[in-house]
C-alpha atoms as a PDB file:
ATOM      1  CA  UNK A   1      88.888 130.854 107.523  1.00  0.00           C
ATOM      2  CA  UNK A   2      86.911 128.986 104.887  1.00  0.00           C
ATOM      3  CA  UNK A   3      88.109 129.271 101.307  1.00  0.00           C
ATOM      4  CA  UNK A   4      85.545 128.861  98.581  1.00  0.00           C
ATOM      5  CA  UNK A   5      85.504 128.835  94.806  1.00  0.00           C
ATOM      6  CA  UNK A   6      82.475 129.011  92.510  1.00  0.00           C
ATOM      7  CA  UNK A   7      82.767 127.324  89.118  1.00  0.00           C
ATOM      8  CA  UNK A   8      81.803 129.918  86.491  1.00  0.00           C
ATOM      9  CA  UNK A   9      80.118 127.472  84.093  1.00  0.00           C
ATOM     10  CA  UNK A  10      78.122 125.252  86.442  1.00  0.00           C
ATOM     11  CA  UNK A  11      77.880 127.477  89.523  1.00  0.00           C
ATOM     12  CA  UNK A  12      78.979 124.647  91.833  1.00  0.00           C
ATOM     13  CA  UNK A  13      80.501 125.926  95.076  1.00  0.00           C
ATOM     14  CA  UNK A  14      83.654 124.186  96.318  1.00  0.00           C
ATOM     15  CA  UNK A  15      84.582 124.863  99.922  1.00  0.00           C
ATOM     16  CA  UNK A  16      87.195 122.983 101.931  1.00  0.00           C
ATOM     17  CA  UNK A  17      87.094 120.027  99.524  1.00  0.00           C
ATOM     18  CA  UNK A  18      83.285 119.690  99.576  1.00  0.00           C
ATOM     19  CA  UNK A  19      80.944 120.474  96.688  1.00  0.00           C
ATOM     20  CA  UNK A  20      77.643 122.297  97.061  1.00  0.00           C
ATOM     21  CA  UNK A  21      74.950 122.330  94.353  1.00  0.00           C
ATOM     22  CA  UNK A  22      73.343 125.763  93.671  1.00  0.00           C
ATOM     23  CA  UNK A  23      69.577 126.289  93.718  1.00  0.00           C
ATOM     24  CA  UNK A  24      67.482 129.396  93.345  1.00  0.00           C
ATOM     25  CA  UNK A  25      64.745 129.918  95.922  1.00  0.00           C
ATOM     26  CA  UNK A  26      61.953 128.882  93.573  1.00  0.00           C
ATOM     27  CA  UNK A  27      63.848 125.719  92.530  1.00  0.00           C
ATOM     28  CA  UNK A  28      64.500 124.144  95.928  1.00  0.00           C
ATOM     29  CA  UNK A  29      64.016 120.356  96.174  1.00  0.00           C
ATOM     30  CA  UNK A  30      60.794 119.048  97.719  1.00  0.00           C
ATOM     31  CA  UNK A  31      62.661 117.502 100.670  1.00  0.00           C
ATOM     32  CA  UNK A  32      64.548 120.718 101.436  1.00  0.00           C
ATOM     33  CA  UNK A  33      63.131 120.924 104.979  1.00  0.00           C
ATOM     34  CA  UNK A  34      64.540 117.429 105.758  1.00  0.00           C
ATOM     35  CA  UNK A  35      68.171 118.360 105.019  1.00  0.00           C
ATOM     36  CA  UNK A  36      70.613 118.967 107.846  1.00  0.00           C
ATOM     37  CA  UNK A  37      71.067 122.746 108.317  1.00  0.00           C
ATOM     38  CA  UNK A  38      74.844 122.218 108.342  1.00  0.00           C
ATOM     39  CA  UNK A  39      74.596 121.060 104.708  1.00  0.00           C
ATOM     40  CA  UNK A  40      72.970 124.315 103.534  1.00  0.00           C
ATOM     41  CA  UNK A  41      74.743 127.573 102.670  1.00  0.00           C
ATOM     42  CA  UNK A  42      72.874 130.723 101.649  1.00  0.00           C
ATOM     43  CA  UNK A  43      75.082 133.088  99.698  1.00  0.00           C
ATOM     44  CA  UNK A  44      74.840 135.548  96.798  1.00  0.00           C
ATOM     45  CA  UNK A  45      71.153 134.916  96.080  1.00  0.00           C
ATOM     46  CA  UNK A  46      71.517 131.141  95.884  1.00  0.00           C
ATOM     47  CA  UNK A  47      70.977 128.278  98.293  1.00  0.00           C
ATOM     48  CA  UNK A  48      73.863 125.806  98.099  1.00  0.00           C
ATOM     49  CA  UNK A  49      73.105 122.251  99.241  1.00  0.00           C
ATOM     50  CA  UNK A  50      75.850 119.697  99.957  1.00  0.00           C
ATOM     51  CA  UNK A  51      76.139 116.943  97.353  1.00  0.00           C
ATOM     52  CA  UNK A  52      75.637 114.177  99.954  1.00  0.00           C
ATOM     53  CA  UNK A  53      71.895 114.970  99.958  1.00  0.00           C
ATOM     54  CA  UNK A  54      71.430 113.883  96.330  1.00  0.00           C
ATOM     55  CA  UNK A  55      71.469 110.427  94.753  1.00  0.00           C
ATOM     56  CA  UNK A  56      72.447 111.407  91.212  1.00  0.00           C
ATOM     57  CA  UNK A  57      75.070 114.116  91.762  1.00  0.00           C
ATOM     58  CA  UNK A  58      76.875 113.560  88.470  1.00  0.00           C
ATOM     59  CA  UNK A  59      73.678 114.020  86.454  1.00  0.00           C
ATOM     60  CA  UNK A  60      72.715 117.155  88.376  1.00  0.00           C
ATOM     61  CA  UNK A  61      76.145 118.757  87.899  1.00  0.00           C
ATOM     62  CA  UNK A  62      76.194 117.834  84.192  1.00  0.00           C
ATOM     63  CA  UNK A  63      72.826 119.550  83.684  1.00  0.00           C
ATOM     64  CA  UNK A  64      73.915 122.787  85.362  1.00  0.00           C
ATOM     65  CA  UNK A  65      75.087 125.518  83.056  1.00  0.00           C
ATOM     66  CA  UNK A  66      74.902 129.237  82.713  1.00  0.00           C
ATOM     67  CA  UNK A  67      73.492 130.903  79.635  1.00  0.00           C
ATOM     68  CA  UNK A  68      75.776 133.874  79.282  1.00  0.00           C
ATOM     69  CA  UNK A  69      74.318 134.937  75.929  1.00  0.00           C
ATOM     70  CA  UNK A  70      70.537 134.611  76.152  1.00  0.00           C
ATOM     71  CA  UNK A  71      70.009 136.520  72.908  1.00  0.00           C
ATOM     72  CA  UNK A  72      72.193 134.113  70.936  1.00  0.00           C
ATOM     73  CA  UNK A  73      71.901 134.340  67.173  1.00  0.00           C
ATOM     74  CA  UNK A  74      73.720 132.075  64.795  1.00  0.00           C
ATOM     75  CA  UNK A  75      76.826 133.890  63.637  1.00  0.00           C
ATOM     76  CA  UNK A  76      77.828 133.557  60.007  1.00  0.00           C
END
């Protein structure tokens, strides 16, 4: 049985020691059709692509975040 964990801040999926980068359907990379189907997981409304398919993984993961409070106002 595969065990997985999704990071709450970045949304990165970790399964069996591998990391998968989340993408929404309208944000898929241009070369999506060239990726190996074994490197793609579709789950919970996202398409997770294995990190081996990207050159700049660290930059991509650093740019991922979730805006929990979209109506943020400066608190005084």
